């Protein structure tokens, strides 16, 4: 919890003294939130003693392995309230028409539900397409050999969260995506890729979820992470936004889910970090989940984090999945916390290896069910890049709310009685 320097120094000194085999500590802190977490290798009796000796500690708990299957698939004057004053100038608006796009992109610029996607011949978007806006993709990495990476015009950066001091594992910190379902590569391409993305000119920061090579031969599954690595990833995003002064021009894509069995203290810290991102005028988009049982209807509503945080964090954007006709995908979760949906059934996106494409389904991007979230994250970056929207969107302390309001204002159902589906406000041409 937030405490005095004397209190935190006392905890630090005690941890150093108790750390097994003199293993170094790992921690993350923030100017607003204070110390977010420490990790240290302790014996159980020392952990119990820490709880007793330091009441400032919210929790002392095992840094548990968690499966990466959880990935899933969105007034006042500006001088007083905003970050800048826009210059008076004539704005020219150049519309680009992407010919023969993947079907899911036609949905994004589908002008009305009467204009069926199958009858549209292109994807329409403004040339800004996310320029000078940064999208953080917290996922399994990206495929740097794919044209979705090599032809993307924005700047690119990698962040590798997680402690290197835990003897139970080593971290894969290569600039790759080694997941079998191409999760990170697919999500990246759906957000900012030149073929599949909705914000083709945005800058991107790949925050690679710490995927471990475990040293325990009895449990060799590599697609695991630990709770502290998730916290570290979120804290690293917040720190990078502040250090790079990216407030007001940033979107964070969270195409994964954290089970409700997550340690309460870890869950609360993720909540605090998302809340702080929103307060720093960062748009945060997460998936509703892909766990609905299409046979029984069980788990029809959102039941995992971060989406459950939407109960309290109203500016968090929660995204579900539909097919290209606007019908809710059979495994997409919904309920009162769902804000809108996007195409997420049998969509095309980049593979993790080689230069081909993969077919996916889901709220976070696809294949295991997960793309819609990434498309909405790209749409948020797209709107933030349009000059004529700057005055409306970029207000200190209100940017996340303003962008969400605009996305929901533009979105509309493609099928009567269904959820709203994203729309960028442009018009695809009809086939002749």
Protein backbone atom coordinates (compact mmCIF):
# COMPACT_ATOMS: atom_id res chain seq x y z
CA UNK A 1 0.00 0.00 0.00
CA UNK A 2 1.06 3.67 -0.25
CA UNK A 3 3.26 4.32 2.79
CA UNK A 4 6.11 6.45 4.04
CA UNK A 5 9.64 6.06 2.77
CA UNK A 6 10.68 4.88 6.23
CA UNK A 7 8.12 2.07 6.11
CA UNK A 8 9.04 0.94 2.59
CA UNK A 9 12.77 1.10 3.38
CA UNK A 10 12.12 -1.11 6.39
CA UNK A 11 10.35 -3.71 4.24
CA UNK A 12 13.13 -3.59 1.67
CA UNK A 13 15.84 -4.11 4.30
CA UNK A 14 13.93 -7.02 5.81
CA UNK A 15 13.41 -8.63 2.39
CA UNK A 16 17.11 -8.36 1.57
CA UNK A 17 17.94 -10.07 4.83
CA UNK A 18 15.43 -12.88 4.34
CA UNK A 19 15.96 -13.55 0.62
CA UNK A 20 16.96 -17.17 0.14
CA UNK A 21 20.46 -17.82 -1.26
CA UNK A 22 20.94 -14.04 -1.42
CA UNK A 23 18.71 -13.87 -4.50
CA UNK A 24 18.28 -10.22 -5.59
CA UNK A 25 14.91 -8.53 -5.21
CA UNK A 26 12.74 -7.31 -8.05
CA UNK A 27 10.18 -4.54 -7.67
CA UNK A 28 8.12 -1.96 -9.50
CA UNK A 29 6.84 1.40 -8.25
CA UNK A 30 5.03 4.48 -9.53
CA UNK A 31 5.03 8.09 -8.37
CA UNK A 32 1.27 8.04 -7.87
CA UNK A 33 0.76 4.46 -6.71
CA UNK A 34 3.92 3.94 -4.66
CA UNK A 35 5.46 0.46 -4.51
CA UNK A 36 3.35 -1.86 -6.65
CA UNK A 37 5.09 -5.11 -5.73
CA UNK A 38 8.31 -6.76 -4.59
CA UNK A 39 9.36 -10.30 -5.47
CA UNK A 40 11.86 -12.30 -3.41
CA UNK A 41 12.65 -15.97 -2.85
CA UNK A 42 11.49 -16.68 0.73
CA UNK A 43 10.86 -19.70 2.93
CA UNK A 44 7.24 -19.91 4.24
CA UNK A 45 8.17 -19.02 7.83
CA UNK A 46 9.88 -15.81 6.69
CA UNK A 47 6.85 -14.88 4.60
CA UNK A 48 4.62 -15.33 7.63
CA UNK A 49 6.93 -13.16 9.71
CA UNK A 50 6.88 -10.40 7.11
CA UNK A 51 3.09 -10.22 7.38
CA UNK A 52 3.36 -9.78 11.14
CA UNK A 53 6.25 -7.29 11.14
CA UNK A 54 5.05 -4.98 8.34
CA UNK A 55 1.35 -4.04 8.50
CA UNK A 56 1.80 -1.76 5.47
CA UNK A 57 1.98 -4.86 3.24
CA UNK A 58 -1.34 -5.46 1.50
CA UNK A 59 -0.45 -9.08 0.92
CA UNK A 60 2.42 -11.57 1.11
CA UNK A 61 1.59 -14.37 -1.30
CA UNK A 62 3.14 -16.93 -3.60
CA UNK A 63 3.91 -15.60 -7.08
CA UNK A 64 1.80 -18.26 -8.78
CA UNK A 65 2.13 -19.51 -12.31
CA UNK A 66 -0.95 -18.68 -14.36
CA UNK A 67 -1.77 -20.15 -17.81
CA UNK A 68 -1.49 -17.99 -20.88
CA UNK A 69 -4.67 -19.64 -22.16
CA UNK A 70 -6.23 -16.68 -20.38
CA UNK A 71 -5.34 -14.62 -23.44
CA UNK A 72 -8.49 -13.70 -25.20
CA UNK A 73 -9.87 -12.05 -27.29
CA UNK A 74 -13.50 -2.77 -27.53
CA UNK A 75 -17.01 22.93 -21.96
CA UNK A 76 -13.86 24.53 -20.46
CA UNK A 77 -11.26 26.15 -22.65
CA UNK A 78 -8.46 23.92 -23.92
CA UNK A 79 -5.94 26.28 -22.37
CA UNK A 80 -7.36 25.41 -18.95
CA UNK A 81 -8.32 21.77 -19.52
CA UNK A 82 -6.39 20.40 -22.49
CA UNK A 83 -2.86 19.58 -23.52
CA UNK A 84 -2.63 21.91 -26.48
CA UNK A 85 -4.37 24.61 -28.48
CA UNK A 86 -5.07 23.55 -32.07
CA UNK A 87 -3.92 26.03 -34.70
CA UNK A 88 -6.48 27.63 -36.95
CA UNK A 89 -6.05 26.08 -40.41
CA UNK A 90 -7.99 24.62 -43.26
CA UNK A 91 -8.17 20.86 -42.96
CA UNK A 92 -7.98 18.67 -46.02
CA UNK A 93 -9.42 15.22 -45.64
CA UNK A 94 -7.94 12.52 -47.83
CA UNK A 95 -9.89 9.26 -47.94
CA UNK A 96 -8.03 6.11 -48.87
CA UNK A 97 -9.82 3.09 -50.29
CA UNK A 98 -8.10 -0.24 -49.60
CA UNK A 99 -9.15 -2.53 -52.44
CA UNK A 100 -9.78 -6.22 -51.84
CA UNK A 101 -9.46 -5.96 -48.06
CA UNK A 102 -10.21 -8.84 -45.69
CA UNK A 103 -13.96 -9.05 -45.13
CA UNK A 104 -13.69 -7.99 -41.47
CA UNK A 105 -12.28 -4.58 -42.49
CA UNK A 106 -15.22 -3.84 -44.76
CA UNK A 107 -17.40 -3.98 -41.63
CA UNK A 108 -15.43 -1.08 -40.09
CA UNK A 109 -16.44 1.30 -42.89
CA UNK A 110 -19.85 -0.23 -43.64
CA UNK A 111 -22.05 2.87 -44.02
CA UNK A 112 -25.37 1.19 -43.18
CA UNK A 113 -26.74 -2.23 -42.37
CA UNK A 114 -28.60 -2.17 -45.68
CA UNK A 115 -25.23 -2.19 -47.47
CA UNK A 116 -24.30 -5.82 -46.93
CA UNK A 117 -20.61 -6.52 -46.38
CA UNK A 118 -20.54 -9.00 -49.27
CA UNK A 119 -21.57 -6.16 -51.60
CA UNK A 120 -18.77 -3.81 -50.49
CA UNK A 121 -15.56 -3.71 -52.49
CA UNK A 122 -13.12 -1.78 -50.27
CA UNK A 123 -12.22 -0.46 -46.83
CA UNK A 124 -12.42 3.33 -46.50
CA UNK A 125 -10.31 5.28 -44.03
CA UNK A 126 -8.65 8.65 -43.54
CA UNK A 127 -4.97 8.89 -44.45
CA UNK A 128 -4.00 9.82 -40.87
CA UNK A 129 -4.93 6.29 -39.76
CA UNK A 130 -3.46 6.58 -36.26
CA UNK A 131 -0.43 8.69 -37.14
CA UNK A 132 1.42 10.04 -34.06
CA UNK A 133 -0.70 7.89 -31.74
CA UNK A 134 0.90 4.98 -29.86
CA UNK A 135 -0.78 1.60 -29.36
CA UNK A 136 0.59 -0.67 -26.63
CA UNK A 137 -0.08 -4.34 -27.42
CA UNK A 138 0.36 -6.38 -24.22
CA UNK A 139 0.50 -9.88 -25.68
CA UNK A 140 2.74 -12.75 -26.75
CA UNK A 141 4.98 -10.77 -29.11
CA UNK A 142 4.91 -10.22 -32.87
CA UNK A 143 6.29 -11.67 -36.11
CA UNK A 144 9.01 -9.30 -37.32
CA UNK A 145 9.41 -11.20 -40.60
CA UNK A 146 5.82 -10.64 -41.68
CA UNK A 147 4.86 -7.81 -44.03
CA UNK A 148 2.41 -6.61 -41.38
CA UNK A 149 5.53 -5.66 -39.41
CA UNK A 150 8.05 -4.75 -42.11
CA UNK A 151 5.62 -2.57 -44.08
CA UNK A 152 4.06 -0.84 -41.09
CA UNK A 153 4.99 2.86 -41.17
CA UNK A 154 4.90 3.80 -37.47
CA UNK A 155 7.71 3.49 -34.93
CA UNK A 156 8.17 0.16 -33.13
CA UNK A 157 9.47 -0.66 -29.67
CA UNK A 158 9.59 -3.71 -27.38
CA UNK A 159 9.24 -4.00 -23.61
CA UNK A 160 10.04 -7.25 -21.75
CA UNK A 161 8.47 -7.31 -18.27
CA UNK A 162 9.17 -9.86 -15.55
CA UNK A 163 11.88 -10.62 -13.02
CA UNK A 164 15.10 -12.26 -14.20
CA UNK A 165 15.91 -13.27 -10.62
CA UNK A 166 13.46 -16.15 -10.06
CA UNK A 167 15.33 -19.48 -10.19
CA UNK A 168 12.16 -21.36 -11.23
CA UNK A 169 12.35 -20.18 -14.83
CA UNK A 170 14.10 -18.17 -17.49
CA UNK A 171 12.24 -15.59 -19.57
CA UNK A 172 12.02 -15.67 -23.33
CA UNK A 173 12.85 -12.06 -24.18
CA UNK A 174 13.38 -12.55 -27.91
CA UNK A 175 11.60 -10.27 -30.36
CA UNK A 176 9.35 -13.09 -31.55
CA UNK A 177 5.92 -14.63 -31.10
CA UNK A 178 6.23 -18.34 -30.32
CA UNK A 179 2.60 -19.09 -29.50
CA UNK A 180 0.95 -21.85 -31.51
CA UNK A 181 -2.16 -19.75 -32.12
CA UNK A 182 -0.22 -16.66 -33.33
CA UNK A 183 -2.00 -14.61 -30.68
CA UNK A 184 0.29 -11.60 -30.41
CA UNK A 185 1.03 -11.42 -34.14
CA UNK A 186 -2.67 -11.57 -34.95
CA UNK A 187 -3.61 -8.89 -32.41
CA UNK A 188 -0.79 -6.61 -33.59
CA UNK A 189 -1.85 -6.90 -37.22
CA UNK A 190 -5.53 -6.31 -36.42
CA UNK A 191 -4.69 -3.09 -34.61
CA UNK A 192 -1.97 -1.47 -36.73
CA UNK A 193 -1.03 -3.75 -39.63
CA UNK A 194 -1.04 -2.26 -43.15
CA UNK A 195 -3.32 -5.02 -44.47
CA UNK A 196 -5.46 -6.00 -41.48
CA UNK A 197 -5.27 -2.98 -39.16
CA UNK A 198 -7.70 -0.18 -38.40
CA UNK A 199 -4.88 2.27 -37.49
CA UNK A 200 -2.30 1.52 -40.16
CA UNK A 201 0.04 4.43 -39.38
CA UNK A 202 0.08 4.26 -35.58
CA UNK A 203 3.23 3.76 -33.53
CA UNK A 204 3.35 0.49 -31.59
CA UNK A 205 4.94 -0.79 -28.39
CA UNK A 206 4.98 -4.57 -28.06
CA UNK A 207 4.84 -5.49 -24.37
CA UNK A 208 5.70 -9.16 -24.51
CA UNK A 209 3.92 -11.17 -21.87
CA UNK A 210 6.64 -12.98 -19.93
CA UNK A 211 6.52 -16.53 -21.26
CA UNK A 212 8.76 -18.80 -19.27
CA UNK A 213 11.03 -21.70 -19.94
CA UNK A 214 10.44 -23.53 -16.68
CA UNK A 215 13.32 -25.29 -14.99
CA UNK A 216 11.04 -27.82 -13.32
CA UNK A 217 11.12 -30.98 -15.52
CA UNK A 218 7.87 -32.18 -13.93
CA UNK A 219 6.02 -29.17 -15.34
CA UNK A 220 7.58 -28.29 -18.70
CA UNK A 221 4.66 -26.33 -20.14
CA UNK A 222 6.24 -23.16 -21.52
CA UNK A 223 3.05 -21.16 -22.04
CA UNK A 224 2.78 -19.92 -18.47
CA UNK A 225 3.49 -16.63 -16.79
CA UNK A 226 3.39 -15.46 -13.18
CA UNK A 227 1.19 -12.88 -11.50
CA UNK A 228 4.05 -10.46 -10.86
CA UNK A 229 4.96 -10.45 -14.56
CA UNK A 230 1.43 -9.30 -15.44
CA UNK A 231 1.70 -6.53 -12.86
CA UNK A 232 5.14 -5.63 -14.19
CA UNK A 233 3.83 -5.42 -17.74
CA UNK A 234 1.01 -3.08 -16.75
CA UNK A 235 3.35 -0.98 -14.59
CA UNK A 236 5.90 -0.82 -17.42
CA UNK A 237 3.25 0.54 -19.77
CA UNK A 238 2.27 3.22 -17.26
CA UNK A 239 5.91 4.18 -16.67
CA UNK A 240 6.64 4.34 -20.41
CA UNK A 241 3.60 6.53 -21.06
CA UNK A 242 4.70 8.97 -18.36
CA UNK A 243 8.40 8.92 -19.30
CA UNK A 244 7.65 9.42 -23.00
CA UNK A 245 4.93 12.00 -22.28
CA UNK A 246 2.38 10.08 -24.33
CA UNK A 247 -0.67 11.13 -22.33
CA UNK A 248 -3.56 12.06 -24.58
CA UNK A 249 -2.28 10.11 -27.58
CA UNK A 250 -2.10 6.50 -26.44
CA UNK A 251 -4.21 3.33 -26.52
CA UNK A 252 -3.55 0.15 -24.54
CA UNK A 253 -4.84 -3.16 -25.95
CA UNK A 254 -5.45 -5.95 -23.41
CA UNK A 255 -6.58 -8.99 -25.40
CA UNK A 256 -6.31 -11.39 -22.50
CA UNK A 257 -8.23 -12.45 -19.44
CA UNK A 258 -7.20 -12.99 -15.82
CA UNK A 259 -9.28 -15.53 -13.96
CA UNK A 260 -11.32 -14.53 -10.94
CA UNK A 261 -9.08 -16.92 -8.96
CA UNK A 262 -6.24 -14.41 -9.30
CA UNK A 263 -4.72 -13.41 -5.95
CA UNK A 264 -6.87 -10.56 -4.61
CA UNK A 265 -3.86 -8.30 -4.02
CA UNK A 266 -2.65 -8.84 -7.61
CA UNK A 267 -6.11 -8.20 -8.98
CA UNK A 268 -6.40 -4.98 -7.00
CA UNK A 269 -3.05 -3.79 -8.33
CA UNK A 270 -4.12 -4.44 -11.92
CA UNK A 271 -7.23 -2.39 -11.15
CA UNK A 272 -5.10 0.45 -9.73
CA UNK A 273 -2.84 0.44 -12.79
CA UNK A 274 -5.72 0.55 -15.28
CA UNK A 275 -7.36 3.31 -13.26
CA UNK A 276 -4.11 5.30 -13.31
CA UNK A 277 -3.75 4.80 -17.07
CA UNK A 278 -7.26 6.13 -17.64
CA UNK A 279 -6.54 9.08 -15.35
CA UNK A 280 -3.48 9.83 -17.50
CA UNK A 281 -5.68 10.12 -20.58
CA UNK A 282 -4.84 6.70 -21.96
CA UNK A 283 -7.59 4.75 -23.72
CA UNK A 284 -7.74 1.15 -22.44
CA UNK A 285 -9.53 -1.56 -24.43
CA UNK A 286 -10.08 -5.14 -23.25
CA UNK A 287 -12.01 -8.20 -24.39
CA UNK A 288 -15.28 -9.47 -22.94
CA UNK A 289 -14.15 -13.09 -23.07
CA UNK A 290 -14.64 -16.17 -25.23
CA UNK A 291 -15.89 -18.61 -22.62
CA UNK A 292 -19.62 -18.82 -23.36
CA UNK A 293 -20.79 -22.43 -23.78
CA UNK A 294 -22.74 -22.42 -27.02
CA UNK A 295 -24.59 -25.61 -26.04
CA UNK A 296 -25.73 -24.71 -22.51
CA UNK A 297 -25.42 -20.92 -22.53
CA UNK A 298 -23.26 -21.07 -19.37
CA UNK A 299 -20.86 -18.17 -18.80
CA UNK A 300 -22.85 -15.93 -21.14
CA UNK A 301 -21.83 -12.80 -19.25
CA UNK A 302 -18.45 -11.26 -18.57
CA UNK A 303 -16.87 -13.09 -15.62
CA UNK A 304 -13.10 -12.46 -15.76
CA UNK A 305 -10.74 -9.52 -15.38
CA UNK A 306 -9.88 -6.94 -16.69
CA UNK A 307 -13.40 -6.75 -18.18
CA UNK A 308 -15.06 -7.06 -14.74
CA UNK A 309 -13.36 -3.82 -13.71
CA UNK A 310 -15.83 -2.04 -16.02
CA UNK A 311 -18.29 -2.15 -13.09
CA UNK A 312 -16.26 0.64 -11.47
CA UNK A 313 -14.08 1.94 -14.31
CA UNK A 314 -16.74 3.27 -16.64
CA UNK A 315 -14.23 4.52 -19.22
CA UNK A 316 -12.71 1.07 -19.75
CA UNK A 317 -13.87 -0.24 -23.15
CA UNK A 318 -15.07 -3.87 -23.19
CA UNK A 319 -15.37 -5.52 -26.61
CA UNK A 320 -17.21 -8.63 -27.75
CA UNK A 321 -17.17 -10.50 -31.06
CA UNK A 322 -19.60 -10.89 -33.95
CA UNK A 323 -19.43 -12.44 -37.38
CA UNK A 324 -19.08 -10.14 -40.37
CA UNK A 325 -22.87 -9.86 -40.63
CA UNK A 326 -23.12 -8.45 -37.10
CA UNK A 327 -24.49 -11.55 -35.34
CA UNK A 328 -22.92 -12.25 -31.96
CA UNK A 329 -20.32 -15.01 -32.10
CA UNK A 330 -21.52 -18.10 -30.25
CA UNK A 331 -18.70 -18.10 -27.65
CA UNK A 332 -18.50 -14.35 -27.03
CA UNK A 333 -19.46 -13.25 -23.53
CA UNK A 334 -21.69 -10.22 -22.99
CA UNK A 335 -24.09 -8.74 -20.48
CA UNK A 336 -24.31 -5.27 -18.99
CA UNK A 337 -20.53 -4.74 -19.02
CA UNK A 338 -20.22 -5.20 -22.79
CA UNK A 339 -19.84 -1.88 -24.65
CA UNK A 340 -19.70 -2.92 -28.31
CA UNK A 341 -18.47 -5.67 -30.59
CA UNK A 342 -16.35 -6.10 -33.67
CA UNK A 343 -15.68 -8.83 -36.22
CA UNK A 344 -14.12 -11.79 -34.45
CA UNK A 345 -15.37 -14.95 -36.15
CA UNK A 346 -13.20 -16.51 -38.84
CA UNK A 347 -11.21 -13.35 -39.42
CA UNK A 348 -7.84 -13.14 -41.18
CA UNK A 349 -4.65 -11.86 -39.55
CA UNK A 350 -0.87 -12.37 -39.47
CA UNK A 351 0.73 -15.66 -38.44
CA UNK A 352 3.47 -15.90 -35.80
CA UNK A 353 5.89 -17.56 -38.22
CA UNK A 354 6.47 -17.19 -41.91
CA UNK A 355 4.62 -14.66 -44.03
CA UNK A 356 1.17 -16.19 -44.29
CA UNK A 357 -2.19 -15.52 -42.67
CA UNK A 358 -4.23 -17.39 -40.12
CA UNK A 359 -7.98 -17.71 -39.68
CA UNK A 360 -9.19 -16.90 -36.17
CA UNK A 361 -12.28 -16.42 -34.01
CA UNK A 362 -12.76 -14.53 -30.73
CA UNK A 363 -13.00 -11.30 -28.77
CA UNK A 364 -9.30 -10.68 -28.40
CA UNK A 365 -8.37 -11.61 -31.92
CA UNK A 366 -9.25 -14.95 -33.33
CA UNK A 367 -8.18 -18.62 -33.61
CA UNK A 368 -8.66 -19.24 -29.90
CA UNK A 369 -11.18 -16.44 -30.20
CA UNK A 370 -9.68 -12.97 -30.03
CA UNK A 371 -9.59 -10.02 -32.83
CA UNK A 372 -12.38 -7.66 -32.12
CA UNK A 373 -10.55 -5.97 -29.22
CA UNK A 374 -7.55 -5.16 -31.41
CA UNK A 375 -9.76 -3.63 -34.12
CA UNK A 376 -11.41 -1.34 -31.56
CA UNK A 377 -8.02 -0.37 -30.11
CA UNK A 378 -6.94 0.60 -33.61
CA UNK A 379 -10.17 2.55 -34.09
CA UNK A 380 -9.48 4.52 -30.89
CA UNK A 381 -6.02 5.42 -32.24
CA UNK A 382 -7.59 6.31 -35.59
CA UNK A 383 -10.01 8.81 -34.04
CA UNK A 384 -7.25 10.32 -31.87
CA UNK A 385 -5.22 11.04 -35.01
CA UNK A 386 -7.91 13.04 -36.83
CA UNK A 387 -7.16 16.79 -36.52
CA UNK A 388 -10.78 17.95 -36.51
CA UNK A 389 -11.50 15.73 -33.48
CA UNK A 390 -8.64 17.02 -31.35
CA UNK A 391 -10.62 19.69 -29.56
CA UNK A 392 -13.44 17.31 -28.79
CA UNK A 393 -11.34 14.34 -27.66
CA UNK A 394 -8.14 15.63 -26.08
CA UNK A 395 -9.22 17.14 -22.76
CA UNK A 396 -7.08 16.69 -19.68
CA UNK A 397 -8.59 14.01 -17.47
CA UNK A 398 -11.36 13.27 -20.00
CA UNK A 399 -9.68 11.82 -23.07
CA UNK A 400 -10.48 8.17 -22.31
CA UNK A 401 -14.12 9.06 -21.67
CA UNK A 402 -14.36 11.24 -24.78
CA UNK A 403 -12.87 8.59 -27.07
CA UNK A 404 -15.15 5.91 -25.68
CA UNK A 405 -18.18 8.15 -26.13
CA UNK A 406 -17.24 8.80 -29.77
CA UNK A 407 -16.66 5.12 -30.52
CA UNK A 408 -20.10 4.26 -29.07
CA UNK A 409 -21.71 7.18 -30.87
CA UNK A 410 -20.40 5.99 -34.23
CA UNK A 411 -21.07 2.27 -33.64
CA UNK A 412 -24.41 0.80 -34.67
CA UNK A 413 -26.03 -2.68 -34.80
CA UNK A 414 -25.81 -4.48 -38.13
CA UNK A 415 -28.69 -6.74 -37.07
CA UNK A 416 -31.83 -5.61 -35.22
CA UNK A 417 -31.68 -6.61 -31.57
CA UNK A 418 -27.92 -7.21 -31.59
CA UNK A 419 -25.08 -5.27 -29.93
CA UNK A 420 -23.54 -2.22 -31.58
CA UNK A 421 -20.61 -2.95 -33.93
CA UNK A 422 -17.68 -0.59 -34.50
CA UNK A 423 -17.75 1.95 -37.34
CA UNK A 424 -15.12 4.51 -38.40
CA UNK A 425 -17.56 6.94 -40.03
CA UNK A 426 -16.32 6.45 -43.60
CA UNK A 427 -18.07 4.77 -46.51
CA UNK A 428 -16.96 1.71 -48.41
CA UNK A 429 -17.96 1.64 -52.08
CA UNK A 430 -20.53 -0.80 -53.36
CA UNK A 431 -19.56 -3.33 -55.99
CA UNK A 432 -20.90 -2.46 -59.42
